[in-house]
Structure formats: structure tokens, C-alpha cells
Amino acid sequence: METVPRSGAYILAKNRTQHMGKRQAQKKVEAIRDAIGVLSETNRLVPHGWRYTAATQMAEAGVDMRDIQAVTGPKTLSIVQKNTAQANQKTASRRAQTAREQSENETGKC
């Protein structure tokens, strides 16, 4: 993806100025899933999972919940909070561990 030129306003687009509708995107993804043999069972690729993954990655990067909501599209912040809870816990754990290590370094304890 890093090598793909970035132009236009949308990730999934009909053209440079119009976004692709949800159903149109689902049909394209379904055709790709069918072509590569991941249409069902445990190896299936589900676009809804991409939304969850994006929300988790943004939360881990420290993106504000309202911005995550704007990108991923849930109607309420409580859904965003639910989808990013694991990422928030992971981030909080890292902060706590870093604070503990800094405290040990300052006091000379190991």
C-alpha cells in the first residue's frame, strides 16, 4: 500500500470524487474472496473485521475516540469504546510498565 499513489478523497472510491457504496464494496470483496477461496469457514475474510482492526490500530496509536468513530462509522461512542477496549488496555499496560521502569531507574532499584 505504501507504493500506491495517494489521490482522491476516499479509500474505496468509484472515482476521484465519489465514494463506493457499501453494497458495491461488499460485492467486490465477495468476488475476490470467492476467487481466492476464502468465502466461508474459518479462513473467510470479512470486511466488518477490517473496521474492527482499523479501530484497534487507531486506538493503539492514540487517536481520539470521536475521530475513530468518524472513520469507522458506528453510531455511538459506546460502540467505539467496546471495539477499542482491548487496544486501550494494551496501551494503558504499556504506559504503566514504562512508568514503573522509569521509577526504578530514578531510584536505582532493579
C-alpha atoms as a PDB file:
ATOM      1  CA  MET A   1       0.000   0.000   0.000  1.00  0.00           C
ATOM      2  CA  GLU A   2       2.890   2.373   0.679  1.00  0.00           C
ATOM      3  CA  THR A   3       3.803   2.314  -3.009  1.00  0.00           C
ATOM      4  CA  VAL A   4       0.301   3.151  -4.235  1.00  0.00           C
ATOM      5  CA  PRO A   5      -0.027   6.841  -5.121  1.00  0.00           C
ATOM      6  CA  ARG A   6      -2.487   8.628  -2.868  1.00  0.00           C
ATOM      7  CA  SER A   7      -5.039  10.716  -4.700  1.00  0.00           C
ATOM      8  CA  GLY A   8      -8.720  11.373  -4.285  1.00  0.00           C
ATOM      9  CA  ALA A   9     -10.800  11.690  -1.149  1.00  0.00           C
ATOM     10  CA  TYR A  10     -11.805   8.074  -0.486  1.00  0.00           C
ATOM     11  CA  ILE A  11     -10.142   4.742   0.224  1.00  0.00           C
ATOM     12  CA  LEU A  12     -12.866   2.794  -1.587  1.00  0.00           C
ATOM     13  CA  ALA A  13     -13.879   5.001  -4.478  1.00  0.00           C
ATOM     14  CA  LYS A  14     -15.855   4.872  -7.703  1.00  0.00           C
ATOM     15  CA  ASN A  15     -13.623   7.648  -8.974  1.00  0.00           C
ATOM     16  CA  ARG A  16     -11.604  10.561  -7.552  1.00  0.00           C
ATOM     17  CA  THR A  17     -14.633  12.387  -6.161  1.00  0.00           C
ATOM     18  CA  GLN A  18     -17.238   9.726  -5.284  1.00  0.00           C
ATOM     19  CA  HIS A  19     -17.095   7.033  -2.654  1.00  0.00           C
ATOM     20  CA  MET A  20     -18.066   3.450  -3.351  1.00  0.00           C
ATOM     21  CA  GLY A  21     -21.344   2.409  -1.767  1.00  0.00           C
ATOM     22  CA  LYS A  22     -21.380  -0.247   0.953  1.00  0.00           C
ATOM     23  CA  ARG A  23     -23.160  -2.866  -1.157  1.00  0.00           C
ATOM     24  CA  GLN A  24     -20.886  -2.239  -4.144  1.00  0.00           C
ATOM     25  CA  ALA A  25     -17.812  -2.670  -1.934  1.00  0.00           C
ATOM     26  CA  GLN A  26     -19.274  -5.856  -0.408  1.00  0.00           C
ATOM     27  CA  LYS A  27     -19.853  -7.338  -3.882  1.00  0.00           C
ATOM     28  CA  LYS A  28     -16.284  -6.591  -4.960  1.00  0.00           C
ATOM     29  CA  VAL A  29     -14.862  -8.103  -1.760  1.00  0.00           C
ATOM     30  CA  GLU A  30     -17.107 -11.153  -2.148  1.00  0.00           C
ATOM     31  CA  ALA A  31     -15.844 -11.693  -5.708  1.00  0.00           C
ATOM     32  CA  ILE A  32     -12.233 -11.522  -4.502  1.00  0.00           C
ATOM     33  CA  ARG A  33     -12.964 -13.869  -1.583  1.00  0.00           C
ATOM     34  CA  ASP A  34     -14.578 -16.338  -3.980  1.00  0.00           C
ATOM     35  CA  ALA A  35     -11.645 -16.116  -6.410  1.00  0.00           C
ATOM     36  CA  ILE A  36      -9.055 -16.852  -3.717  1.00  0.00           C
ATOM     37  CA  GLY A  37     -11.150 -19.467  -1.930  1.00  0.00           C
ATOM     38  CA  VAL A  38     -11.862 -17.741   1.365  1.00  0.00           C
ATOM     39  CA  LEU A  39     -15.600 -17.310   1.073  1.00  0.00           C
ATOM     40  CA  SER A  40     -16.538 -19.441   4.079  1.00  0.00           C
ATOM     41  CA  GLU A  41     -15.336 -21.444   7.075  1.00  0.00           C
ATOM     42  CA  THR A  42     -12.617 -20.260   9.439  1.00  0.00           C
ATOM     43  CA  ASN A  43     -10.418 -18.718   6.734  1.00  0.00           C
ATOM     44  CA  ARG A  44     -13.058 -16.328   5.470  1.00  0.00           C
ATOM     45  CA  LEU A  45     -12.237 -12.655   5.083  1.00  0.00           C
ATOM     46  CA  VAL A  46     -14.948 -10.395   6.458  1.00  0.00           C
ATOM     47  CA  PRO A  47     -14.951  -6.651   5.700  1.00  0.00           C
ATOM     48  CA  HIS A  48     -16.558  -5.887   9.077  1.00  0.00           C
ATOM     49  CA  GLY A  49     -13.410  -7.267  10.683  1.00  0.00           C
ATOM     50  CA  TRP A  50     -11.397  -4.665   8.810  1.00  0.00           C
ATOM     51  CA  ARG A  51     -13.367  -1.947  10.601  1.00  0.00           C
ATOM     52  CA  TYR A  52     -12.569  -3.502  13.968  1.00  0.00           C
ATOM     53  CA  THR A  53      -8.893  -3.840  13.029  1.00  0.00           C
ATOM     54  CA  ALA A  54      -8.740  -0.214  11.893  1.00  0.00           C
ATOM     55  CA  ALA A  55     -10.379   0.961  15.129  1.00  0.00           C
ATOM     56  CA  THR A  56      -7.940  -1.086  17.206  1.00  0.00           C
ATOM     57  CA  GLN A  57      -4.903   0.210  15.332  1.00  0.00           C
ATOM     58  CA  MET A  58      -6.071   3.818  15.630  1.00  0.00           C
ATOM     59  CA  ALA A  59      -6.726   3.404  19.363  1.00  0.00           C
ATOM     60  CA  GLU A  60      -3.253   1.933  19.832  1.00  0.00           C
ATOM     61  CA  ALA A  61      -1.838   4.957  18.002  1.00  0.00           C
ATOM     62  CA  GLY A  62      -3.641   7.291  20.424  1.00  0.00           C
ATOM     63  CA  VAL A  63      -6.309   8.571  18.030  1.00  0.00           C
ATOM     64  CA  ASP A  64      -9.255  10.295  19.725  1.00  0.00           C
ATOM     65  CA  MET A  65     -12.451   8.200  20.043  1.00  0.00           C
ATOM     66  CA  ARG A  66     -14.532  10.698  18.050  1.00  0.00           C
ATOM     67  CA  ASP A  67     -12.015  10.554  15.200  1.00  0.00           C
ATOM     68  CA  ILE A  68     -12.130   6.750  15.276  1.00  0.00           C
ATOM     69  CA  GLN A  69     -15.923   6.982  15.170  1.00  0.00           C
ATOM     70  CA  ALA A  70     -15.721   9.286  12.129  1.00  0.00           C
ATOM     71  CA  VAL A  71     -13.509   6.812  10.270  1.00  0.00           C
ATOM     72  CA  THR A  72     -15.193   3.534  11.234  1.00  0.00           C
ATOM     73  CA  GLY A  73     -18.797   4.728  11.258  1.00  0.00           C
ATOM     74  CA  PRO A  74     -20.539   3.377  14.381  1.00  0.00           C
ATOM     75  CA  LYS A  75     -23.491   5.462  15.543  1.00  0.00           C
ATOM     76  CA  THR A  76     -22.423   5.736  19.190  1.00  0.00           C
ATOM     77  CA  LEU A  77     -19.188   6.284  21.067  1.00  0.00           C
ATOM     78  CA  SER A  78     -20.043   3.310  23.289  1.00  0.00           C
ATOM     79  CA  ILE A  79     -19.605   1.013  20.281  1.00  0.00           C
ATOM     80  CA  VAL A  80     -16.223   2.614  19.551  1.00  0.00           C
ATOM     81  CA  GLN A  81     -15.230   2.122  23.190  1.00  0.00           C
ATOM     82  CA  LYS A  82     -16.292  -1.524  23.043  1.00  0.00           C
ATOM     83  CA  ASN A  83     -14.353  -2.103  19.816  1.00  0.00           C
ATOM     84  CA  THR A  84     -11.206  -0.454  21.154  1.00  0.00           C
ATOM     85  CA  ALA A  85     -11.270  -1.753  24.740  1.00  0.00           C
ATOM     86  CA  GLN A  86      -8.524  -4.302  24.142  1.00  0.00           C
ATOM     87  CA  ALA A  87      -6.307  -1.694  22.470  1.00  0.00           C
ATOM     88  CA  ASN A  88      -6.935   0.745  25.316  1.00  0.00           C
ATOM     89  CA  GLN A  89      -5.985  -1.914  27.857  1.00  0.00           C
ATOM     90  CA  LYS A  90      -2.818  -2.717  25.902  1.00  0.00           C
ATOM     91  CA  THR A  91      -1.869   0.966  25.701  1.00  0.00           C
ATOM     92  CA  ALA A  92      -2.561   1.507  29.411  1.00  0.00           C
ATOM     93  CA  SER A  93      -0.463  -1.549  30.225  1.00  0.00           C
ATOM     94  CA  ARG A  94       2.454  -0.146  28.225  1.00  0.00           C
ATOM     95  CA  ARG A  95       2.152   3.226  29.985  1.00  0.00           C
ATOM     96  CA  ALA A  96       2.109   1.550  33.399  1.00  0.00           C
ATOM     97  CA  GLN A  97       5.131  -0.597  32.565  1.00  0.00           C
ATOM     98  CA  THR A  98       7.061   2.420  31.266  1.00  0.00           C
ATOM     99  CA  ALA A  99       6.215   4.422  34.405  1.00  0.00           C
ATOM    100  CA  ARG A 100       7.350   1.520  36.597  1.00  0.00           C
ATOM    101  CA  GLU A 101      10.639   1.222  34.717  1.00  0.00           C
ATOM    102  CA  GLN A 102      11.260   4.973  34.920  1.00  0.00           C
ATOM    103  CA  SER A 103      10.576   4.913  38.647  1.00  0.00           C
ATOM    104  CA  GLU A 104      13.037   2.043  39.117  1.00  0.00           C
ATOM    105  CA  ASN A 105      15.681   3.879  37.092  1.00  0.00           C
ATOM    106  CA  GLU A 106      15.230   7.058  39.129  1.00  0.00           C
ATOM    107  CA  THR A 107      15.510   5.271  42.466  1.00  0.00           C
ATOM    108  CA  GLY A 108      18.271   2.920  41.332  1.00  0.00           C
ATOM    109  CA  LYS A 109      16.223  -0.190  42.108  1.00  0.00           C
ATOM    110  CA  CYS A 110      16.156  -3.109  39.684  1.00  0.00           C
END
